[in-house]
């Protein structure tokens, strides 16, 4: 995120490079940077003759080079944006000769999503020397809540830890999807206020009571009544609550509880650092560790692996997902 801000700041200050190679597994920042260049490098009246968007599936490297070598018309620069450049992965190295001596009046933007080029090869080295190379890395689940907090902080919002966790568990690590939902919230909720779990439920449609976060908490506190209520809700709404997601999150939770058992320093700060969680949730792991001794946790992890296999049809042909989850809950809390 800081690297993105630096790229944007440099462009705003007139420090514009002839080549921007944007690559990596997370498409969100690749889109943000290319959109910023699209909207801000040229004045609106210059774009008609001097800005073009090409698509990797429709062109060759030779086409890109030919367009990049053109001179701008009645403008200081031209902008060439190549989207879906990953479609040219077999021939992308051919671009190195152009990047080695790029046209100074052209801003060439390569959007190379979901992949990255070999750092040992010529293309990477010449882009690093003559332009900007940016790798957009996928965030781990435990990093997304902090990303949400920082994005909202930049717009003068705060968010409850539970509300943030609800977004992550419902939307996963897809930053574009999460950002879309945050933009909707910003239209409804005044700047300078805190976004709550109630607002997430009301405006995005994520239940604050019947979700994987609450299931995990109910199991951790051995609240069997609430856990069964949530599971019954999941069984009635399987499309909105896929079993594979629930098992994955419970597996992650109990793996962290097992890790908690192994810590000698169980201070809030150390636990949050070791488990890579928000300090706000440390108490949930402490309570779960109290309720589930290390030997029991090891057994639960085995139950979760077994349930995962059954959910994929191995040894449990046509068994409803709700039944697999109910059986799993009995084993965990038994």
C-alpha atoms as a PDB file:
ATOM      1  CA  UNK A   1       0.000   0.000   0.000  1.00  0.00           C
ATOM      2  CA  UNK A   2       2.850   2.409   0.801  1.00  0.00           C
ATOM      3  CA  UNK A   3       4.522   1.546  -2.503  1.00  0.00           C
ATOM      4  CA  UNK A   4       1.295   2.352  -4.351  1.00  0.00           C
ATOM      5  CA  UNK A   5       1.072   5.714  -2.587  1.00  0.00           C
ATOM      6  CA  UNK A   6       4.658   6.473  -3.612  1.00  0.00           C
ATOM      7  CA  UNK A   7       3.975   5.662  -7.274  1.00  0.00           C
ATOM      8  CA  UNK A   8       0.872   7.873  -7.247  1.00  0.00           C
ATOM      9  CA  UNK A   9       2.723  10.680  -5.446  1.00  0.00           C
ATOM     10  CA  UNK A  10       5.575  10.588  -7.978  1.00  0.00           C
ATOM     11  CA  UNK A  11       3.156  10.840 -10.891  1.00  0.00           C
ATOM     12  CA  UNK A  12       1.333  13.745  -9.232  1.00  0.00           C
ATOM     13  CA  UNK A  13       4.668  15.507  -8.812  1.00  0.00           C
ATOM     14  CA  UNK A  14       5.567  15.070 -12.479  1.00  0.00           C
ATOM     15  CA  UNK A  15       8.075  12.257 -11.934  1.00  0.00           C
ATOM     16  CA  UNK A  16       6.579  10.069 -14.646  1.00  0.00           C
ATOM     17  CA  UNK A  17       8.459   7.030 -15.922  1.00  0.00           C
ATOM     18  CA  UNK A  18       8.307   5.717 -19.501  1.00  0.00           C
ATOM     19  CA  UNK A  19       7.345   2.176 -18.402  1.00  0.00           C
ATOM     20  CA  UNK A  20       5.159   0.825 -15.590  1.00  0.00           C
ATOM     21  CA  UNK A  21       5.160  -2.956 -15.324  1.00  0.00           C
ATOM     22  CA  UNK A  22       2.383  -3.941 -12.889  1.00  0.00           C
ATOM     23  CA  UNK A  23       2.338  -7.635 -12.032  1.00  0.00           C
ATOM     24  CA  UNK A  24       1.285 -10.080  -9.327  1.00  0.00           C
ATOM     25  CA  UNK A  25      -1.463 -12.179  -7.802  1.00  0.00           C
ATOM     26  CA  UNK A  26      -3.585  -9.340  -6.385  1.00  0.00           C
ATOM     27  CA  UNK A  27      -5.331  -7.468  -9.238  1.00  0.00           C
ATOM     28  CA  UNK A  28      -6.733  -4.689  -7.037  1.00  0.00           C
ATOM     29  CA  UNK A  29      -3.622  -2.501  -6.928  1.00  0.00           C
ATOM     30  CA  UNK A  30      -2.758  -3.187 -10.566  1.00  0.00           C
ATOM     31  CA  UNK A  31      -6.182  -1.788 -11.479  1.00  0.00           C
ATOM     32  CA  UNK A  32      -5.832   1.173  -9.116  1.00  0.00           C
ATOM     33  CA  UNK A  33      -2.461   2.278 -10.493  1.00  0.00           C
ATOM     34  CA  UNK A  34      -3.445   1.818 -14.150  1.00  0.00           C
ATOM     35  CA  UNK A  35      -6.727   3.684 -13.556  1.00  0.00           C
ATOM     36  CA  UNK A  36      -4.852   6.543 -11.910  1.00  0.00           C
ATOM     37  CA  UNK A  37      -2.501   6.819 -14.886  1.00  0.00           C
ATOM     38  CA  UNK A  38      -5.474   6.565 -17.248  1.00  0.00           C
ATOM     39  CA  UNK A  39      -7.232   9.492 -15.580  1.00  0.00           C
ATOM     40  CA  UNK A  40      -4.366  11.755 -14.564  1.00  0.00           C
ATOM     41  CA  UNK A  41      -1.335  11.704 -16.873  1.00  0.00           C
ATOM     42  CA  UNK A  42      -3.019  13.406 -19.834  1.00  0.00           C
ATOM     43  CA  UNK A  43      -5.487  16.274 -19.901  1.00  0.00           C
ATOM     44  CA  UNK A  44      -8.961  15.288 -21.109  1.00  0.00           C
ATOM     45  CA  UNK A  45      -8.533  17.102 -24.428  1.00  0.00           C
ATOM     46  CA  UNK A  46      -5.243  15.257 -25.095  1.00  0.00           C
ATOM     47  CA  UNK A  47      -6.625  11.750 -24.673  1.00  0.00           C
ATOM     48  CA  UNK A  48      -8.423  11.414 -28.005  1.00  0.00           C
ATOM     49  CA  UNK A  49      -5.217  11.178 -30.047  1.00  0.00           C
ATOM     50  CA  UNK A  50      -2.710  10.238 -27.355  1.00  0.00           C
ATOM     51  CA  UNK A  51      -4.212   7.592 -25.091  1.00  0.00           C
ATOM     52  CA  UNK A  52      -5.020   4.049 -26.087  1.00  0.00           C
ATOM     53  CA  UNK A  53      -5.929   0.808 -24.356  1.00  0.00           C
ATOM     54  CA  UNK A  54      -4.753  -2.499 -25.840  1.00  0.00           C
ATOM     55  CA  UNK A  55      -5.641  -6.046 -24.761  1.00  0.00           C
ATOM     56  CA  UNK A  56      -3.106  -8.841 -24.544  1.00  0.00           C
ATOM     57  CA  UNK A  57      -5.352 -11.435 -26.123  1.00  0.00           C
ATOM     58  CA  UNK A  58      -5.763  -9.328 -29.276  1.00  0.00           C
ATOM     59  CA  UNK A  59      -2.211  -8.101 -29.919  1.00  0.00           C
ATOM     60  CA  UNK A  60       1.443  -9.104 -30.097  1.00  0.00           C
ATOM     61  CA  UNK A  61       4.562  -7.645 -28.495  1.00  0.00           C
ATOM     62  CA  UNK A  62       5.351  -6.118 -31.888  1.00  0.00           C
ATOM     63  CA  UNK A  63       2.008  -4.280 -31.811  1.00  0.00           C
ATOM     64  CA  UNK A  64       2.785  -2.882 -28.357  1.00  0.00           C
ATOM     65  CA  UNK A  65       6.228  -1.681 -29.462  1.00  0.00           C
ATOM     66  CA  UNK A  66       4.854  -0.104 -32.633  1.00  0.00           C
ATOM     67  CA  UNK A  67       2.286   1.866 -30.664  1.00  0.00           C
ATOM     68  CA  UNK A  68       4.776   2.808 -27.964  1.00  0.00           C
ATOM     69  CA  UNK A  69       7.203   4.220 -30.550  1.00  0.00           C
ATOM     70  CA  UNK A  70       4.631   6.635 -31.962  1.00  0.00           C
ATOM     71  CA  UNK A  71       5.030  10.318 -31.200  1.00  0.00           C
ATOM     72  CA  UNK A  72       2.286  12.206 -29.381  1.00  0.00           C
ATOM     73  CA  UNK A  73       0.052  14.617 -31.290  1.00  0.00           C
ATOM     74  CA  UNK A  74      -0.206  18.132 -29.890  1.00  0.00           C
ATOM     75  CA  UNK A  75       0.777  16.890 -26.428  1.00  0.00           C
ATOM     76  CA  UNK A  76       3.891  16.287 -24.391  1.00  0.00           C
ATOM     77  CA  UNK A  77       3.167  12.583 -23.912  1.00  0.00           C
ATOM     78  CA  UNK A  78       1.095   9.674 -25.053  1.00  0.00           C
ATOM     79  CA  UNK A  79      -0.184   6.860 -22.807  1.00  0.00           C
ATOM     80  CA  UNK A  80      -0.415   3.220 -23.908  1.00  0.00           C
ATOM     81  CA  UNK A  81      -2.113   0.864 -21.439  1.00  0.00           C
ATOM     82  CA  UNK A  82      -1.910  -2.880 -22.078  1.00  0.00           C
ATOM     83  CA  UNK A  83      -4.544  -4.815 -20.148  1.00  0.00           C
ATOM     84  CA  UNK A  84      -4.543  -8.628 -19.766  1.00  0.00           C
ATOM     85  CA  UNK A  85      -0.841  -8.613 -20.655  1.00  0.00           C
ATOM     86  CA  UNK A  86      -0.511 -12.007 -18.945  1.00  0.00           C
ATOM     87  CA  UNK A  87      -1.999 -13.427 -22.158  1.00  0.00           C
ATOM     88  CA  UNK A  88       1.400 -12.629 -23.706  1.00  0.00           C
ATOM     89  CA  UNK A  89       3.401 -14.543 -21.095  1.00  0.00           C
ATOM     90  CA  UNK A  90       5.113 -16.743 -23.700  1.00  0.00           C
ATOM     91  CA  UNK A  91       6.530 -13.785 -25.595  1.00  0.00           C
ATOM     92  CA  UNK A  92       6.692 -11.052 -22.934  1.00  0.00           C
ATOM     93  CA  UNK A  93      10.506 -11.180 -22.791  1.00  0.00           C
ATOM     94  CA  UNK A  94      10.579  -9.697 -26.304  1.00  0.00           C
ATOM     95  CA  UNK A  95       9.532  -6.410 -24.727  1.00  0.00           C
ATOM     96  CA  UNK A  96      12.975  -6.082 -23.123  1.00  0.00           C
ATOM     97  CA  UNK A  97      14.589  -4.550 -26.214  1.00  0.00           C
ATOM     98  CA  UNK A  98      12.060  -1.695 -26.254  1.00  0.00           C
ATOM     99  CA  UNK A  99      12.272  -1.102 -22.480  1.00  0.00           C
ATOM    100  CA  UNK A 100      16.057  -0.946 -22.736  1.00  0.00           C
ATOM    101  CA  UNK A 101      15.653   2.198 -24.847  1.00  0.00           C
ATOM    102  CA  UNK A 102      12.040   3.382 -24.335  1.00  0.00           C
ATOM    103  CA  UNK A 103      10.428   6.298 -26.143  1.00  0.00           C
ATOM    104  CA  UNK A 104      10.698   9.158 -23.591  1.00  0.00           C
ATOM    105  CA  UNK A 105       7.399  10.729 -24.686  1.00  0.00           C
ATOM    106  CA  UNK A 106       5.442   7.482 -24.155  1.00  0.00           C
ATOM    107  CA  UNK A 107       4.062   6.175 -20.863  1.00  0.00           C
ATOM    108  CA  UNK A 108       3.693   2.419 -21.375  1.00  0.00           C
ATOM    109  CA  UNK A 109       1.636   0.609 -18.720  1.00  0.00           C
ATOM    110  CA  UNK A 110       1.718  -3.200 -18.674  1.00  0.00           C
ATOM    111  CA  UNK A 111      -1.003  -4.858 -16.555  1.00  0.00           C
ATOM    112  CA  UNK A 112       0.299  -8.387 -15.989  1.00  0.00           C
ATOM    113  CA  UNK A 113      -2.217  -9.889 -13.571  1.00  0.00           C
ATOM    114  CA  UNK A 114      -1.991 -13.132 -11.566  1.00  0.00           C
ATOM    115  CA  UNK A 115       1.570 -13.771 -12.749  1.00  0.00           C
ATOM    116  CA  UNK A 116       5.031 -12.283 -12.458  1.00  0.00           C
ATOM    117  CA  UNK A 117       8.064 -12.197 -14.680  1.00  0.00           C
ATOM    118  CA  UNK A 118      11.375 -13.881 -13.868  1.00  0.00           C
ATOM    119  CA  UNK A 119      13.590 -11.488 -11.906  1.00  0.00           C
ATOM    120  CA  UNK A 120      16.689 -13.150 -13.338  1.00  0.00           C
ATOM    121  CA  UNK A 121      15.837 -12.261 -16.928  1.00  0.00           C
ATOM    122  CA  UNK A 122      16.529  -9.163 -18.975  1.00  0.00           C
ATOM    123  CA  UNK A 123      13.004  -7.703 -19.002  1.00  0.00           C
ATOM    124  CA  UNK A 124      12.793  -7.426 -15.226  1.00  0.00           C
ATOM    125  CA  UNK A 125      16.233  -5.850 -15.014  1.00  0.00           C
ATOM    126  CA  UNK A 126      15.645  -3.211 -17.711  1.00  0.00           C
ATOM    127  CA  UNK A 127      12.221  -2.260 -16.322  1.00  0.00           C
ATOM    128  CA  UNK A 128      13.781  -1.854 -12.865  1.00  0.00           C
ATOM    129  CA  UNK A 129      16.442   0.376 -14.421  1.00  0.00           C
ATOM    130  CA  UNK A 130      14.367   2.513 -16.780  1.00  0.00           C
ATOM    131  CA  UNK A 131      10.856   2.375 -15.354  1.00  0.00           C
ATOM    132  CA  UNK A 132       8.776   1.140 -12.437  1.00  0.00           C
ATOM    133  CA  UNK A 133       8.159  -2.500 -11.639  1.00  0.00           C
ATOM    134  CA  UNK A 134       5.433  -3.166  -9.098  1.00  0.00           C
ATOM    135  CA  UNK A 135       4.501  -6.551  -7.668  1.00  0.00           C
ATOM    136  CA  UNK A 136       1.010  -6.720  -6.204  1.00  0.00           C
ATOM    137  CA  UNK A 137       1.095  -9.513  -3.642  1.00  0.00           C
ATOM    138  CA  UNK A 138      -1.963 -11.348  -2.386  1.00  0.00           C
ATOM    139  CA  UNK A 139      -2.750 -10.506   1.226  1.00  0.00           C
ATOM    140  CA  UNK A 140      -3.088 -13.292   3.747  1.00  0.00           C
ATOM    141  CA  UNK A 141      -6.434 -13.455   5.529  1.00  0.00           C
ATOM    142  CA  UNK A 142      -4.913 -12.171   8.759  1.00  0.00           C
ATOM    143  CA  UNK A 143      -3.675  -9.046   6.914  1.00  0.00           C
ATOM    144  CA  UNK A 144      -6.987  -8.062   5.328  1.00  0.00           C
ATOM    145  CA  UNK A 145      -8.592  -6.635   8.479  1.00  0.00           C
ATOM    146  CA  UNK A 146      -5.658  -4.258   8.868  1.00  0.00           C
ATOM    147  CA  UNK A 147      -5.959  -3.315   5.183  1.00  0.00           C
ATOM    148  CA  UNK A 148      -9.658  -2.502   5.707  1.00  0.00           C
ATOM    149  CA  UNK A 149      -8.790  -0.363   8.718  1.00  0.00           C
ATOM    150  CA  UNK A 150      -6.134   1.567   6.788  1.00  0.00           C
ATOM    151  CA  UNK A 151      -8.345   2.130   3.734  1.00  0.00           C
ATOM    152  CA  UNK A 152     -11.183   3.418   5.908  1.00  0.00           C
ATOM    153  CA  UNK A 153      -8.767   5.469   8.000  1.00  0.00           C
ATOM    154  CA  UNK A 154      -7.686   7.298   4.862  1.00  0.00           C
ATOM    155  CA  UNK A 155     -11.333   8.320   4.372  1.00  0.00           C
ATOM    156  CA  UNK A 156     -11.702   9.305   8.072  1.00  0.00           C
ATOM    157  CA  UNK A 157     -13.664   6.249   9.162  1.00  0.00           C
ATOM    158  CA  UNK A 158     -13.010   3.662  11.858  1.00  0.00           C
ATOM    159  CA  UNK A 159     -14.464   0.153  12.019  1.00  0.00           C
ATOM    160  CA  UNK A 160     -15.282  -2.252  14.829  1.00  0.00           C
ATOM    161  CA  UNK A 161     -13.015  -5.329  14.883  1.00  0.00           C
ATOM    162  CA  UNK A 162     -16.073  -7.585  14.651  1.00  0.00           C
ATOM    163  CA  UNK A 163     -17.411  -5.650  11.648  1.00  0.00           C
ATOM    164  CA  UNK A 164     -14.055  -5.957   9.900  1.00  0.00           C
ATOM    165  CA  UNK A 165     -13.896  -9.683  10.630  1.00  0.00           C
ATOM    166  CA  UNK A 166     -17.401 -10.151   9.223  1.00  0.00           C
ATOM    167  CA  UNK A 167     -16.301  -8.604   5.927  1.00  0.00           C
ATOM    168  CA  UNK A 168     -13.225 -10.824   5.712  1.00  0.00           C
ATOM    169  CA  UNK A 169     -15.121 -14.010   6.481  1.00  0.00           C
ATOM    170  CA  UNK A 170     -17.910 -13.181   4.021  1.00  0.00           C
ATOM    171  CA  UNK A 171     -15.811 -11.782   1.165  1.00  0.00           C
ATOM    172  CA  UNK A 172     -12.472 -13.537   1.698  1.00  0.00           C
ATOM    173  CA  UNK A 173      -9.274 -11.846   0.557  1.00  0.00           C
ATOM    174  CA  UNK A 174     -10.640 -10.346  -2.672  1.00  0.00           C
ATOM    175  CA  UNK A 175      -9.714  -6.681  -2.159  1.00  0.00           C
ATOM    176  CA  UNK A 176     -11.793  -5.512  -5.117  1.00  0.00           C
ATOM    177  CA  UNK A 177     -14.970  -7.048  -3.679  1.00  0.00           C
ATOM    178  CA  UNK A 178     -14.221  -5.668  -0.228  1.00  0.00           C
ATOM    179  CA  UNK A 179     -13.493  -2.204  -1.623  1.00  0.00           C
ATOM    180  CA  UNK A 180     -16.792  -2.235  -3.540  1.00  0.00           C
ATOM    181  CA  UNK A 181     -18.679  -2.922  -0.308  1.00  0.00           C
ATOM    182  CA  UNK A 182     -16.711  -0.246   1.547  1.00  0.00           C
ATOM    183  CA  UNK A 183     -17.601   2.269  -1.167  1.00  0.00           C
ATOM    184  CA  UNK A 184     -21.288   1.440  -0.660  1.00  0.00           C
ATOM    185  CA  UNK A 185     -20.931   1.983   3.085  1.00  0.00           C
ATOM    186  CA  UNK A 186     -19.228   5.352   2.539  1.00  0.00           C
ATOM    187  CA  UNK A 187     -22.276   6.535   0.576  1.00  0.00           C
ATOM    188  CA  UNK A 188     -24.562   5.724   3.509  1.00  0.00           C
ATOM    189  CA  UNK A 189     -22.461   6.342   6.607  1.00  0.00           C
ATOM    190  CA  UNK A 190     -21.118   9.838   7.386  1.00  0.00           C
ATOM    191  CA  UNK A 191     -17.360  10.366   7.361  1.00  0.00           C
ATOM    192  CA  UNK A 192     -15.754  10.582  10.800  1.00  0.00           C
ATOM    193  CA  UNK A 193     -17.895   7.809  12.301  1.00  0.00           C
ATOM    194  CA  UNK A 194     -17.308   4.172  13.207  1.00  0.00           C
ATOM    195  CA  UNK A 195     -18.685   1.377  11.032  1.00  0.00           C
ATOM    196  CA  UNK A 196     -20.397  -1.229  13.201  1.00  0.00           C
ATOM    197  CA  UNK A 197     -21.452  -4.854  12.850  1.00  0.00           C
ATOM    198  CA  UNK A 198     -25.100  -3.708  12.801  1.00  0.00           C
ATOM    199  CA  UNK A 199     -24.376  -1.481   9.783  1.00  0.00           C
ATOM    200  CA  UNK A 200     -22.591  -4.330   7.990  1.00  0.00           C
ATOM    201  CA  UNK A 201     -25.613  -6.569   8.572  1.00  0.00           C
ATOM    202  CA  UNK A 202     -28.115  -3.917   7.512  1.00  0.00           C
ATOM    203  CA  UNK A 203     -26.334  -2.619   4.415  1.00  0.00           C
ATOM    204  CA  UNK A 204     -24.341  -5.586   3.081  1.00  0.00           C
ATOM    205  CA  UNK A 205     -26.568  -8.448   4.151  1.00  0.00           C
ATOM    206  CA  UNK A 206     -24.103 -10.348   6.304  1.00  0.00           C
ATOM    207  CA  UNK A 207     -25.821 -11.733   9.393  1.00  0.00           C
ATOM    208  CA  UNK A 208     -24.071 -10.559  12.545  1.00  0.00           C
ATOM    209  CA  UNK A 209     -25.434 -13.546  14.500  1.00  0.00           C
ATOM    210  CA  UNK A 210     -25.301 -16.402  11.976  1.00  0.00           C
ATOM    211  CA  UNK A 211     -21.854 -16.390  10.394  1.00  0.00           C
ATOM    212  CA  UNK A 212     -18.595 -18.305  10.671  1.00  0.00           C
ATOM    213  CA  UNK A 213     -17.118 -15.759  13.054  1.00  0.00           C
ATOM    214  CA  UNK A 214     -19.972 -16.277  15.529  1.00  0.00           C
ATOM    215  CA  UNK A 215     -19.843 -20.064  15.036  1.00  0.00           C
ATOM    216  CA  UNK A 216     -16.144 -20.073  15.850  1.00  0.00           C
ATOM    217  CA  UNK A 217     -16.786 -17.971  18.931  1.00  0.00           C
ATOM    218  CA  UNK A 218     -19.682 -20.175  20.100  1.00  0.00           C
ATOM    219  CA  UNK A 219     -17.579 -23.318  19.734  1.00  0.00           C
ATOM    220  CA  UNK A 220     -14.619 -21.669  21.463  1.00  0.00           C
ATOM    221  CA  UNK A 221     -16.765 -20.730  24.461  1.00  0.00           C
ATOM    222  CA  UNK A 222     -18.547 -24.119  24.369  1.00  0.00           C
ATOM    223  CA  UNK A 223     -21.884 -22.429  23.820  1.00  0.00           C
ATOM    224  CA  UNK A 224     -23.564 -25.476  22.329  1.00  0.00           C
ATOM    225  CA  UNK A 225     -27.018 -23.925  21.994  1.00  0.00           C
ATOM    226  CA  UNK A 226     -25.797 -21.007  19.894  1.00  0.00           C
ATOM    227  CA  UNK A 227     -23.466 -23.237  17.834  1.00  0.00           C
ATOM    228  CA  UNK A 228     -26.373 -25.539  16.939  1.00  0.00           C
ATOM    229  CA  UNK A 229     -28.564 -22.573  16.000  1.00  0.00           C
ATOM    230  CA  UNK A 230     -25.885 -21.276  13.637  1.00  0.00           C
ATOM    231  CA  UNK A 231     -25.312 -24.689  12.086  1.00  0.00           C
ATOM    232  CA  UNK A 232     -29.043 -25.161  11.516  1.00  0.00           C
ATOM    233  CA  UNK A 233     -29.087 -21.758   9.794  1.00  0.00           C
ATOM    234  CA  UNK A 234     -26.145 -22.829   7.618  1.00  0.00           C
ATOM    235  CA  UNK A 235     -27.949 -26.082   6.731  1.00  0.00           C
ATOM    236  CA  UNK A 236     -30.988 -24.092   5.566  1.00  0.00           C
ATOM    237  CA  UNK A 237     -28.842 -21.633   3.574  1.00  0.00           C
ATOM    238  CA  UNK A 238     -26.035 -23.786   2.112  1.00  0.00           C
ATOM    239  CA  UNK A 239     -25.355 -21.538  -0.902  1.00  0.00           C
ATOM    240  CA  UNK A 240     -24.600 -18.556   1.320  1.00  0.00           C
ATOM    241  CA  UNK A 241     -22.611 -20.633   3.799  1.00  0.00           C
ATOM    242  CA  UNK A 242     -20.463 -23.178   1.908  1.00  0.00           C
ATOM    243  CA  UNK A 243     -19.289 -26.064   4.052  1.00  0.00           C
ATOM    244  CA  UNK A 244     -15.773 -25.886   2.624  1.00  0.00           C
ATOM    245  CA  UNK A 245     -15.413 -22.309   3.915  1.00  0.00           C
ATOM    246  CA  UNK A 246     -16.710 -23.192   7.395  1.00  0.00           C
ATOM    247  CA  UNK A 247     -14.368 -26.174   7.706  1.00  0.00           C
ATOM    248  CA  UNK A 248     -11.419 -24.117   6.468  1.00  0.00           C
ATOM    249  CA  UNK A 249     -12.038 -21.337   9.004  1.00  0.00           C
ATOM    250  CA  UNK A 250     -12.529 -23.772  11.889  1.00  0.00           C
ATOM    251  CA  UNK A 251      -9.348 -25.590  10.873  1.00  0.00           C
ATOM    252  CA  UNK A 252      -7.451 -22.311  10.880  1.00  0.00           C
ATOM    253  CA  UNK A 253      -8.916 -21.377  14.272  1.00  0.00           C
ATOM    254  CA  UNK A 254      -8.032 -24.647  15.999  1.00  0.00           C
ATOM    255  CA  UNK A 255      -4.590 -24.688  14.409  1.00  0.00           C
ATOM    256  CA  UNK A 256      -4.036 -21.305  16.053  1.00  0.00           C
ATOM    257  CA  UNK A 257      -5.435 -22.581  19.361  1.00  0.00           C
ATOM    258  CA  UNK A 258      -2.910 -25.423  19.161  1.00  0.00           C
ATOM    259  CA  UNK A 259      -0.209 -22.846  18.522  1.00  0.00           C
ATOM    260  CA  UNK A 260      -1.459 -20.847  21.531  1.00  0.00           C
ATOM    261  CA  UNK A 261      -1.024 -23.909  23.747  1.00  0.00           C
ATOM    262  CA  UNK A 262       2.620 -24.067  22.716  1.00  0.00           C
ATOM    263  CA  UNK A 263       3.409 -20.457  23.627  1.00  0.00           C
ATOM    264  CA  UNK A 264       5.345 -19.810  26.825  1.00  0.00           C
ATOM    265  CA  UNK A 265       4.593 -16.085  26.752  1.00  0.00           C
ATOM    266  CA  UNK A 266       0.800 -15.723  26.680  1.00  0.00           C
ATOM    267  CA  UNK A 267       0.683 -11.958  27.026  1.00  0.00           C
ATOM    268  CA  UNK A 268      -1.806 -10.243  24.712  1.00  0.00           C
ATOM    269  CA  UNK A 269       0.930  -8.602  22.687  1.00  0.00           C
ATOM    270  CA  UNK A 270       2.936 -11.794  22.146  1.00  0.00           C
ATOM    271  CA  UNK A 271      -0.126 -13.914  21.342  1.00  0.00           C
ATOM    272  CA  UNK A 272      -1.353 -11.365  18.776  1.00  0.00           C
ATOM    273  CA  UNK A 273       2.096 -11.300  17.167  1.00  0.00           C
ATOM    274  CA  UNK A 274       2.605 -15.077  17.163  1.00  0.00           C
ATOM    275  CA  UNK A 275      -0.894 -15.914  15.893  1.00  0.00           C
ATOM    276  CA  UNK A 276      -0.995 -12.879  13.554  1.00  0.00           C
ATOM    277  CA  UNK A 277      -4.370 -11.724  14.876  1.00  0.00           C
ATOM    278  CA  UNK A 278      -5.883  -8.481  16.097  1.00  0.00           C
ATOM    279  CA  UNK A 279      -5.160  -8.083  19.847  1.00  0.00           C
ATOM    280  CA  UNK A 280      -8.913  -7.578  20.313  1.00  0.00           C
ATOM    281  CA  UNK A 281      -9.467 -11.299  19.584  1.00  0.00           C
ATOM    282  CA  UNK A 282      -6.756 -12.733  21.851  1.00  0.00           C
ATOM    283  CA  UNK A 283      -9.321 -13.410  24.571  1.00  0.00           C
ATOM    284  CA  UNK A 284     -11.231 -15.708  22.186  1.00  0.00           C
ATOM    285  CA  UNK A 285      -8.150 -17.908  21.751  1.00  0.00           C
ATOM    286  CA  UNK A 286      -7.366 -17.827  25.457  1.00  0.00           C
ATOM    287  CA  UNK A 287     -10.864 -19.005  26.310  1.00  0.00           C
ATOM    288  CA  UNK A 288     -10.834 -21.686  23.616  1.00  0.00           C
ATOM    289  CA  UNK A 289      -7.492 -22.984  24.888  1.00  0.00           C
ATOM    290  CA  UNK A 290      -8.963 -23.158  28.385  1.00  0.00           C
ATOM    291  CA  UNK A 291     -11.987 -25.120  27.110  1.00  0.00           C
ATOM    292  CA  UNK A 292     -10.040 -27.412  24.775  1.00  0.00           C
ATOM    293  CA  UNK A 293      -6.788 -28.961  26.090  1.00  0.00           C
ATOM    294  CA  UNK A 294      -3.977 -29.568  23.616  1.00  0.00           C
ATOM    295  CA  UNK A 295      -4.802 -33.265  23.171  1.00  0.00           C
ATOM    296  CA  UNK A 296      -8.458 -32.433  22.437  1.00  0.00           C
ATOM    297  CA  UNK A 297      -7.434 -29.765  19.902  1.00  0.00           C
ATOM    298  CA  UNK A 298      -5.291 -32.294  18.061  1.00  0.00           C
ATOM    299  CA  UNK A 299      -8.314 -34.587  17.866  1.00  0.00           C
ATOM    300  CA  UNK A 300     -10.522 -31.751  16.597  1.00  0.00           C
ATOM    301  CA  UNK A 301      -8.078 -31.022  13.791  1.00  0.00           C
ATOM    302  CA  UNK A 302      -8.349 -34.686  12.776  1.00  0.00           C
ATOM    303  CA  UNK A 303     -12.172 -34.417  12.844  1.00  0.00           C
ATOM    304  CA  UNK A 304     -11.990 -31.354  10.604  1.00  0.00           C
ATOM    305  CA  UNK A 305      -9.798 -33.180   8.088  1.00  0.00           C
ATOM    306  CA  UNK A 306     -12.273 -36.056   8.050  1.00  0.00           C
ATOM    307  CA  UNK A 307     -15.195 -33.658   7.526  1.00  0.00           C
ATOM    308  CA  UNK A 308     -13.319 -31.977   4.684  1.00  0.00           C
ATOM    309  CA  UNK A 309     -12.896 -35.330   2.938  1.00  0.00           C
ATOM    310  CA  UNK A 310     -16.592 -36.161   3.427  1.00  0.00           C
ATOM    311  CA  UNK A 311     -17.624 -32.757   2.068  1.00  0.00           C
ATOM    312  CA  UNK A 312     -15.868 -33.738  -1.163  1.00  0.00           C
ATOM    313  CA  UNK A 313     -17.867 -36.965  -1.424  1.00  0.00           C
ATOM    314  CA  UNK A 314     -15.247 -39.404  -0.136  1.00  0.00           C
ATOM    315  CA  UNK A 315     -16.859 -41.952   2.177  1.00  0.00           C
ATOM    316  CA  UNK A 316     -20.083 -39.974   2.424  1.00  0.00           C
ATOM    317  CA  UNK A 317     -21.802 -40.046  -0.950  1.00  0.00           C
ATOM    318  CA  UNK A 318     -24.830 -37.724  -1.121  1.00  0.00           C
ATOM    319  CA  UNK A 319     -24.590 -36.865   2.574  1.00  0.00           C
ATOM    320  CA  UNK A 320     -26.090 -33.355   3.017  1.00  0.00           C
ATOM    321  CA  UNK A 321     -23.603 -30.688   4.049  1.00  0.00           C
ATOM    322  CA  UNK A 322     -25.767 -29.799   7.041  1.00  0.00           C
ATOM    323  CA  UNK A 323     -25.500 -33.366   8.357  1.00  0.00           C
ATOM    324  CA  UNK A 324     -21.706 -33.349   7.986  1.00  0.00           C
ATOM    325  CA  UNK A 325     -21.537 -30.109   9.947  1.00  0.00           C
ATOM    326  CA  UNK A 326     -23.881 -31.354  12.692  1.00  0.00           C
ATOM    327  CA  UNK A 327     -21.837 -34.545  13.076  1.00  0.00           C
ATOM    328  CA  UNK A 328     -18.669 -32.451  13.222  1.00  0.00           C
ATOM    329  CA  UNK A 329     -20.093 -30.206  15.953  1.00  0.00           C
ATOM    330  CA  UNK A 330     -21.044 -33.209  18.102  1.00  0.00           C
ATOM    331  CA  UNK A 331     -17.486 -34.543  17.828  1.00  0.00           C
ATOM    332  CA  UNK A 332     -15.893 -31.185  18.611  1.00  0.00           C
ATOM    333  CA  UNK A 333     -18.012 -30.429  21.645  1.00  0.00           C
ATOM    334  CA  UNK A 334     -18.353 -34.006  22.838  1.00  0.00           C
END
